[in-house]
């Protein structure tokens, strides 16, 4: 049976309370959540010997989460990832969005869902966070009501369900930006972690980190993770702009994806500790980001230091980047008569 504690962790400059929720199961594993950014701030899991460690990146103080560039552990939206040049057309009308990442719009803008206080509550053994995004918020059409539901169980599985309703047709692509380091968040590089993905296709990217629209076969490339392999050998490869992006920052297409069906994405493992995390989602792709720009951009960490590049890897389950500008991609549009519901599951274990 999972127990839940809640405490005031801090305050925003506007005087809003930041709540820290601690979910603990019968095995002693623990997940901590914050209503600032609907964020995962801590996940303590056992290694193969039963020793606990915090396996996600995060900050020592709540104010570290205010507008952090890494969006560590936070729920991002309205639209995760990039929209080319901040331009999109919805229902025949062109919209100009904030350009906040090179020449692109990223994660819904500067004041996106990751940088707001969500209303939050405990419902029996789950935590529910909610947010209302007004019509025109960050340039997007329609009032959008969003919920993030967090469930944690005695089998060490953390499930996130994102729900949304809109008053006008709009773009919705929600994900969580948690970074994993299965050796422990303070242990340095994840480049020797091993990843297996159920993905035989990768989106071809241009030098601005926008999909060209073409799908590439991963076979024989540094992006072939169909069998377990570590990140290190391919981290400086020229293929598909890996070197240009300073590492992996690419959307992998999930084999056999069907809308609304939970499917297995793959597994990340760290062989010394034996810790693993298996990921499932109802989304069509997973963005693998090896923390290429963490150095210098993160506040004081939970362990009192600073994260270097490659200190964590994010596995962001989401729709394809720039999907609103690619009619051949799964549609990111949500209509007023529809209900958005997507799930992400992180199942922790050992090998």
Protein backbone atom coordinates (compact mmCIF):
# COMPACT_ATOMS: atom_id res chain seq x y z
CA UNK A 1 0.00 0.00 0.00
CA UNK A 2 1.39 3.39 -0.99
CA UNK A 3 1.41 6.15 1.61
CA UNK A 4 1.42 9.84 0.70
CA UNK A 5 2.77 12.73 2.72
CA UNK A 6 2.52 16.37 1.74
CA UNK A 7 4.48 19.34 3.03
CA UNK A 8 5.04 22.94 2.07
CA UNK A 9 8.48 22.97 0.44
CA UNK A 10 8.73 26.68 -0.31
CA UNK A 11 7.04 29.70 -1.86
CA UNK A 12 7.12 31.35 -5.24
CA UNK A 13 8.01 35.07 -5.48
CA UNK A 14 4.27 35.64 -5.95
CA UNK A 15 3.54 33.95 -2.61
CA UNK A 16 2.14 30.68 -3.93
CA UNK A 17 2.90 27.57 -1.90
CA UNK A 18 5.13 24.91 -3.44
CA UNK A 19 3.95 21.52 -2.19
CA UNK A 20 6.18 18.47 -1.97
CA UNK A 21 4.40 15.10 -2.12
CA UNK A 22 6.19 11.96 -0.96
CA UNK A 23 4.79 8.64 -2.19
CA UNK A 24 6.28 5.60 -0.43
CA UNK A 25 5.46 1.96 -1.11
CA UNK A 26 5.69 -1.18 1.03
CA UNK A 27 9.16 -1.94 -0.34
CA UNK A 28 10.55 1.38 0.87
CA UNK A 29 10.89 2.84 -2.62
CA UNK A 30 9.92 6.49 -2.83
CA UNK A 31 8.80 9.11 -5.35
CA UNK A 32 8.66 12.83 -4.61
CA UNK A 33 6.59 15.25 -6.67
CA UNK A 34 6.23 19.02 -6.70
CA UNK A 35 3.25 21.07 -7.84
CA UNK A 36 5.68 23.56 -9.38
CA UNK A 37 5.83 22.30 -12.94
CA UNK A 38 4.02 19.06 -12.00
CA UNK A 39 7.52 17.74 -11.47
CA UNK A 40 9.20 14.51 -10.44
CA UNK A 41 11.90 15.73 -8.04
CA UNK A 42 13.15 12.45 -6.56
CA UNK A 43 12.89 8.70 -7.20
CA UNK A 44 14.64 6.44 -4.71
CA UNK A 45 15.05 2.87 -5.92
CA UNK A 46 17.02 -0.19 -4.74
CA UNK A 47 19.97 -1.67 -6.58
CA UNK A 48 20.40 -5.43 -6.92
CA UNK A 49 21.71 -5.55 -3.33
CA UNK A 50 18.77 -3.55 -1.99
CA UNK A 51 20.71 -0.30 -1.50
CA UNK A 52 18.64 2.80 -2.18
CA UNK A 53 19.71 5.74 -4.33
CA UNK A 54 17.98 8.72 -5.89
CA UNK A 55 18.01 7.95 -9.62
CA UNK A 56 16.65 11.19 -11.12
CA UNK A 57 18.31 14.58 -11.46
CA UNK A 58 17.00 17.50 -9.44
CA UNK A 59 17.82 20.47 -7.28
CA UNK A 60 18.49 21.10 -3.61
CA UNK A 61 16.10 24.02 -3.23
CA UNK A 62 12.61 24.55 -4.73
CA UNK A 63 13.65 27.83 -6.31
CA UNK A 64 16.11 25.83 -8.42
CA UNK A 65 13.11 24.73 -10.46
CA UNK A 66 12.11 28.30 -11.37
CA UNK A 67 12.68 28.60 -15.13
CA UNK A 68 15.55 26.09 -15.19
CA UNK A 69 16.72 25.50 -18.74
CA UNK A 70 16.87 21.75 -18.24
CA UNK A 71 13.18 21.52 -17.19
CA UNK A 72 14.35 18.82 -14.80
CA UNK A 73 11.58 16.33 -14.04
CA UNK A 74 8.87 18.76 -15.09
CA UNK A 75 5.72 18.46 -17.19
CA UNK A 76 6.12 20.52 -20.36
CA UNK A 77 3.42 21.90 -22.67
CA UNK A 78 1.30 22.95 -24.41
CA UNK A 79 3.62 21.50 -26.97
CA UNK A 80 6.68 19.54 -25.95
CA UNK A 81 9.71 19.80 -28.24
CA UNK A 82 10.16 22.18 -31.16
CA UNK A 83 7.95 24.01 -33.62
CA UNK A 84 9.99 25.32 -36.54
CA UNK A 85 10.50 29.09 -36.50
CA UNK A 86 7.63 29.41 -34.00
CA UNK A 87 5.08 29.25 -36.81
CA UNK A 88 2.02 27.05 -37.15
CA UNK A 89 -1.35 27.06 -38.90
CA UNK A 90 -4.46 25.85 -37.06
CA UNK A 91 -7.91 25.91 -38.71
CA UNK A 92 -6.54 28.03 -41.53
CA UNK A 93 -5.11 30.72 -39.25
CA UNK A 94 -1.38 31.27 -38.87
CA UNK A 95 0.00 31.69 -35.38
CA UNK A 96 3.37 33.17 -34.37
CA UNK A 97 4.80 31.66 -31.21
CA UNK A 98 7.76 32.71 -29.11
CA UNK A 99 11.14 31.75 -30.55
CA UNK A 100 13.01 30.60 -27.45
CA UNK A 101 15.44 27.95 -28.73
CA UNK A 102 17.65 29.15 -31.56
CA UNK A 103 15.22 29.76 -34.42
CA UNK A 104 12.53 27.51 -32.94
CA UNK A 105 9.74 27.51 -30.39
CA UNK A 106 10.50 24.97 -27.63
CA UNK A 107 8.28 23.24 -25.04
CA UNK A 108 5.44 25.77 -25.28
CA UNK A 109 7.42 28.94 -24.59
CA UNK A 110 9.26 30.54 -21.69
CA UNK A 111 6.25 30.52 -19.37
CA UNK A 112 5.17 27.04 -20.34
CA UNK A 113 3.48 24.52 -18.04
CA UNK A 114 6.84 23.53 -16.53
CA UNK A 115 7.23 26.99 -15.03
CA UNK A 116 3.89 27.35 -13.25
CA UNK A 117 2.29 26.28 -10.01
CA UNK A 118 -0.34 23.61 -10.65
CA UNK A 119 -3.36 23.08 -8.42
CA UNK A 120 -2.78 19.79 -6.65
CA UNK A 121 -4.58 17.30 -4.45
CA UNK A 122 -4.33 13.76 -3.11
CA UNK A 123 -6.98 11.30 -4.26
CA UNK A 124 -6.68 8.18 -2.09
CA UNK A 125 -3.30 6.80 -3.27
CA UNK A 126 -2.59 9.13 -6.20
CA UNK A 127 -1.62 12.76 -6.73
CA UNK A 128 -3.58 14.86 -9.21
CA UNK A 129 -2.31 18.19 -10.53
CA UNK A 130 -4.36 20.55 -12.68
CA UNK A 131 -3.78 23.68 -14.71
CA UNK A 132 -5.96 25.99 -16.78
CA UNK A 133 -4.20 27.64 -19.72
CA UNK A 134 -6.15 30.65 -20.97
CA UNK A 135 -7.06 31.29 -24.60
CA UNK A 136 -4.01 32.90 -26.23
CA UNK A 137 -1.62 31.64 -23.57
CA UNK A 138 1.92 31.77 -25.05
CA UNK A 139 0.22 32.41 -28.39
CA UNK A 140 -1.83 29.20 -28.56
CA UNK A 141 -5.56 29.24 -29.39
CA UNK A 142 -8.24 27.97 -27.02
CA UNK A 143 -8.57 27.65 -23.27
CA UNK A 144 -7.00 24.36 -22.27
CA UNK A 145 -7.67 22.47 -19.06
CA UNK A 146 -4.92 19.98 -18.19
CA UNK A 147 -4.48 17.30 -15.55
CA UNK A 148 -1.39 15.29 -14.65
CA UNK A 149 -2.23 12.19 -12.60
CA UNK A 150 0.61 10.41 -10.80
CA UNK A 151 0.21 6.80 -9.61
CA UNK A 152 2.91 4.79 -7.81
CA UNK A 153 2.56 1.15 -6.78
CA UNK A 154 4.22 -1.61 -4.75
CA UNK A 155 5.84 -3.00 -7.90
CA UNK A 156 7.92 0.19 -8.25
CA UNK A 157 5.98 1.48 -11.26
CA UNK A 158 5.34 5.20 -11.64
CA UNK A 159 2.52 6.05 -14.06
CA UNK A 160 1.72 9.51 -15.39
CA UNK A 161 -1.57 10.18 -17.15
CA UNK A 162 -1.92 13.47 -18.99
CA UNK A 163 -5.47 14.64 -19.75
CA UNK A 164 -6.70 17.74 -21.55
CA UNK A 165 -9.81 19.47 -22.92
CA UNK A 166 -9.93 22.59 -25.10
CA UNK A 167 -12.48 25.22 -26.08
CA UNK A 168 -10.92 25.71 -29.54
CA UNK A 169 -8.81 23.55 -31.80
CA UNK A 170 -5.24 23.77 -30.54
CA UNK A 171 -1.93 21.91 -30.41
CA UNK A 172 -1.33 19.61 -27.43
CA UNK A 173 1.75 17.47 -26.87
CA UNK A 174 2.47 16.79 -23.19
CA UNK A 175 5.39 14.90 -21.70
CA UNK A 176 7.57 14.67 -18.61
CA UNK A 177 11.19 15.81 -18.78
CA UNK A 178 12.68 13.62 -16.05
CA UNK A 179 16.39 12.76 -16.33
CA UNK A 180 17.60 9.36 -15.17
CA UNK A 181 20.95 8.34 -13.74
CA UNK A 182 20.44 4.81 -12.47
CA UNK A 183 23.78 4.77 -10.66
CA UNK A 184 22.55 7.68 -8.52
CA UNK A 185 21.95 11.30 -9.41
CA UNK A 186 25.35 12.41 -8.10
CA UNK A 187 27.39 9.71 -9.85
CA UNK A 188 28.48 11.48 -13.03
CA UNK A 189 28.10 10.48 -16.66
CA UNK A 190 25.36 8.20 -18.03
CA UNK A 191 27.23 7.48 -21.25
CA UNK A 192 27.93 3.91 -20.10
CA UNK A 193 24.26 3.24 -19.33
CA UNK A 194 22.82 0.76 -21.80
CA UNK A 195 19.61 1.37 -23.73
CA UNK A 196 17.31 -0.96 -25.63
CA UNK A 197 14.52 0.56 -27.74
CA UNK A 198 11.69 -0.98 -29.72
CA UNK A 199 12.48 1.36 -32.58
CA UNK A 200 13.62 0.46 -36.09
CA UNK A 201 13.05 3.98 -37.49
CA UNK A 202 14.41 7.37 -36.54
CA UNK A 203 13.25 10.78 -37.73
CA UNK A 204 15.79 12.44 -39.98
CA UNK A 205 16.69 15.82 -38.49
CA UNK A 206 17.99 19.00 -40.08
CA UNK A 207 20.73 21.13 -38.52
CA UNK A 208 18.08 23.23 -36.70
CA UNK A 209 16.80 20.13 -34.83
CA UNK A 210 13.61 19.95 -36.89
CA UNK A 211 12.46 16.76 -38.66
CA UNK A 212 12.78 16.79 -42.44
CA UNK A 213 9.74 14.51 -42.68
CA UNK A 214 11.81 11.49 -43.72
CA UNK A 215 12.14 8.32 -41.64
CA UNK A 216 15.53 6.60 -41.57
CA UNK A 217 16.28 2.95 -40.86
CA UNK A 218 18.39 2.62 -37.72
CA UNK A 219 20.04 -0.63 -38.78
CA UNK A 220 23.81 -0.31 -38.82
CA UNK A 221 23.76 3.27 -37.48
CA UNK A 222 24.74 4.79 -34.11
CA UNK A 223 20.99 5.13 -33.45
CA UNK A 224 20.31 1.40 -33.57
CA UNK A 225 19.29 0.54 -30.00
CA UNK A 226 17.18 -2.49 -30.85
CA UNK A 227 19.66 -4.47 -28.73
CA UNK A 228 21.22 -3.10 -25.56
CA UNK A 229 24.10 -0.72 -26.27
CA UNK A 230 25.70 2.16 -24.43
CA UNK A 231 25.61 5.79 -25.53
CA UNK A 232 29.35 6.39 -25.45
CA UNK A 233 30.44 4.83 -28.79
CA UNK A 234 28.01 6.94 -30.83
CA UNK A 235 28.00 10.16 -28.85
CA UNK A 236 30.28 11.98 -31.33
CA UNK A 237 29.02 10.36 -34.55
CA UNK A 238 28.20 12.48 -37.59
CA UNK A 239 25.10 10.44 -38.44
CA UNK A 240 21.85 12.44 -38.30
CA UNK A 241 23.61 15.42 -36.69
CA UNK A 242 24.54 13.62 -33.44
CA UNK A 243 27.84 15.49 -33.30
CA UNK A 244 26.16 18.80 -34.18
CA UNK A 245 23.71 18.32 -31.29
CA UNK A 246 26.59 17.38 -28.93
CA UNK A 247 25.01 13.98 -28.38
CA UNK A 248 21.68 12.23 -28.68
CA UNK A 249 18.73 14.60 -28.93
CA UNK A 250 16.54 12.68 -31.36
CA UNK A 251 12.99 11.33 -31.71
CA UNK A 252 12.78 7.55 -32.13
CA UNK A 253 9.66 6.09 -33.72
CA UNK A 254 8.08 3.38 -31.56
CA UNK A 255 7.52 0.16 -33.47
CA UNK A 256 3.91 -1.03 -33.63
CA UNK A 257 2.46 2.17 -32.18
CA UNK A 258 -1.32 2.43 -32.23
CA UNK A 259 -3.25 5.48 -30.99
CA UNK A 260 -4.54 5.12 -27.45
CA UNK A 261 -2.74 1.81 -26.83
CA UNK A 262 -0.04 1.46 -24.18
CA UNK A 263 3.08 -0.03 -25.77
CA UNK A 264 6.58 -0.83 -24.57
CA UNK A 265 9.22 1.70 -25.56
CA UNK A 266 12.30 -0.04 -24.18
CA UNK A 267 14.59 -0.35 -21.17
CA UNK A 268 17.47 1.64 -19.72
CA UNK A 269 19.91 -0.22 -17.47
CA UNK A 270 23.05 0.47 -15.44
CA UNK A 271 25.03 -2.72 -15.10
CA UNK A 272 27.10 -1.93 -11.97
CA UNK A 273 24.09 -1.24 -9.75
CA UNK A 274 21.79 -3.51 -11.71
CA UNK A 275 19.05 -0.88 -11.74
CA UNK A 276 16.71 -0.76 -14.72
CA UNK A 277 13.77 1.32 -15.86
CA UNK A 278 11.38 0.04 -18.51
CA UNK A 279 9.27 2.66 -20.26
CA UNK A 280 5.78 2.27 -21.72
CA UNK A 281 3.67 4.89 -23.42
CA UNK A 282 0.64 5.57 -25.60
CA UNK A 283 2.62 8.18 -27.56
CA UNK A 284 4.18 7.52 -31.01
CA UNK A 285 7.78 8.46 -30.27
CA UNK A 286 10.37 8.86 -27.57
CA UNK A 287 12.89 11.68 -27.52
CA UNK A 288 16.24 10.44 -26.25
CA UNK A 289 18.26 13.34 -24.85
CA UNK A 290 21.60 12.62 -23.21
CA UNK A 291 21.81 15.88 -21.25
CA UNK A 292 24.15 17.47 -23.78
CA UNK A 293 23.78 21.00 -22.35
CA UNK A 294 23.46 20.43 -18.60
CA UNK A 295 26.84 21.89 -17.66
CA UNK A 296 26.64 25.41 -16.29
CA UNK A 297 22.89 25.68 -16.73
CA UNK A 298 21.63 23.88 -13.64
CA UNK A 299 21.16 25.25 -10.11
CA UNK A 300 22.67 23.57 -7.05
CA UNK A 301 21.88 19.86 -7.19
CA UNK A 302 20.29 17.68 -4.51
CA UNK A 303 23.77 16.45 -3.58
CA UNK A 304 25.18 19.98 -3.35
CA UNK A 305 27.11 20.11 -6.60
CA UNK A 306 26.57 21.00 -10.24
CA UNK A 307 25.59 18.64 -13.03
CA UNK A 308 27.98 18.23 -15.94
CA UNK A 309 26.96 17.40 -19.49
CA UNK A 310 25.66 13.81 -19.80
CA UNK A 311 24.82 13.57 -16.08
CA UNK A 312 21.38 12.20 -16.95
CA UNK A 313 19.35 10.90 -19.87
CA UNK A 314 15.78 11.96 -20.60
CA UNK A 315 13.36 9.57 -22.31
CA UNK A 316 10.54 11.92 -23.29
CA UNK A 317 7.49 10.05 -24.61
CA UNK A 318 5.66 12.41 -26.94
CA UNK A 319 4.37 13.15 -30.42
CA UNK A 320 6.87 13.91 -33.20
CA UNK A 321 8.57 17.34 -33.07
CA UNK A 322 7.02 20.00 -35.33
CA UNK A 323 4.09 17.66 -36.05
CA UNK A 324 1.73 20.61 -36.55
CA UNK A 325 3.72 21.50 -39.69
CA UNK A 326 3.88 17.92 -41.03
CA UNK A 327 0.49 16.55 -42.09
CA UNK A 328 2.11 13.15 -42.65
CA UNK A 329 2.91 12.89 -38.90
CA UNK A 330 0.42 11.84 -36.19
CA UNK A 331 -1.75 14.90 -35.62
CA UNK A 332 -1.06 17.01 -32.51
CA UNK A 333 -4.39 18.83 -32.87
CA UNK A 334 -7.00 18.60 -30.14
CA UNK A 335 -10.54 19.60 -31.07
CA UNK A 336 -13.23 20.86 -28.66
CA UNK A 337 -15.24 17.65 -28.99
CA UNK A 338 -12.22 15.45 -28.14
CA UNK A 339 -10.50 14.36 -24.94
CA UNK A 340 -6.72 14.16 -24.78
CA UNK A 341 -5.39 11.25 -22.74
CA UNK A 342 -1.82 9.93 -22.92
CA UNK A 343 0.10 7.72 -20.52
CA UNK A 344 3.74 7.24 -19.60
CA UNK A 345 4.87 4.42 -17.30
CA UNK A 346 8.30 4.00 -15.70
CA UNK A 347 8.75 0.49 -14.28
CA UNK A 348 11.83 0.27 -12.09
CA UNK A 349 13.61 -3.01 -11.43
CA UNK A 350 16.98 -4.75 -11.35
CA UNK A 351 18.92 -7.08 -13.58
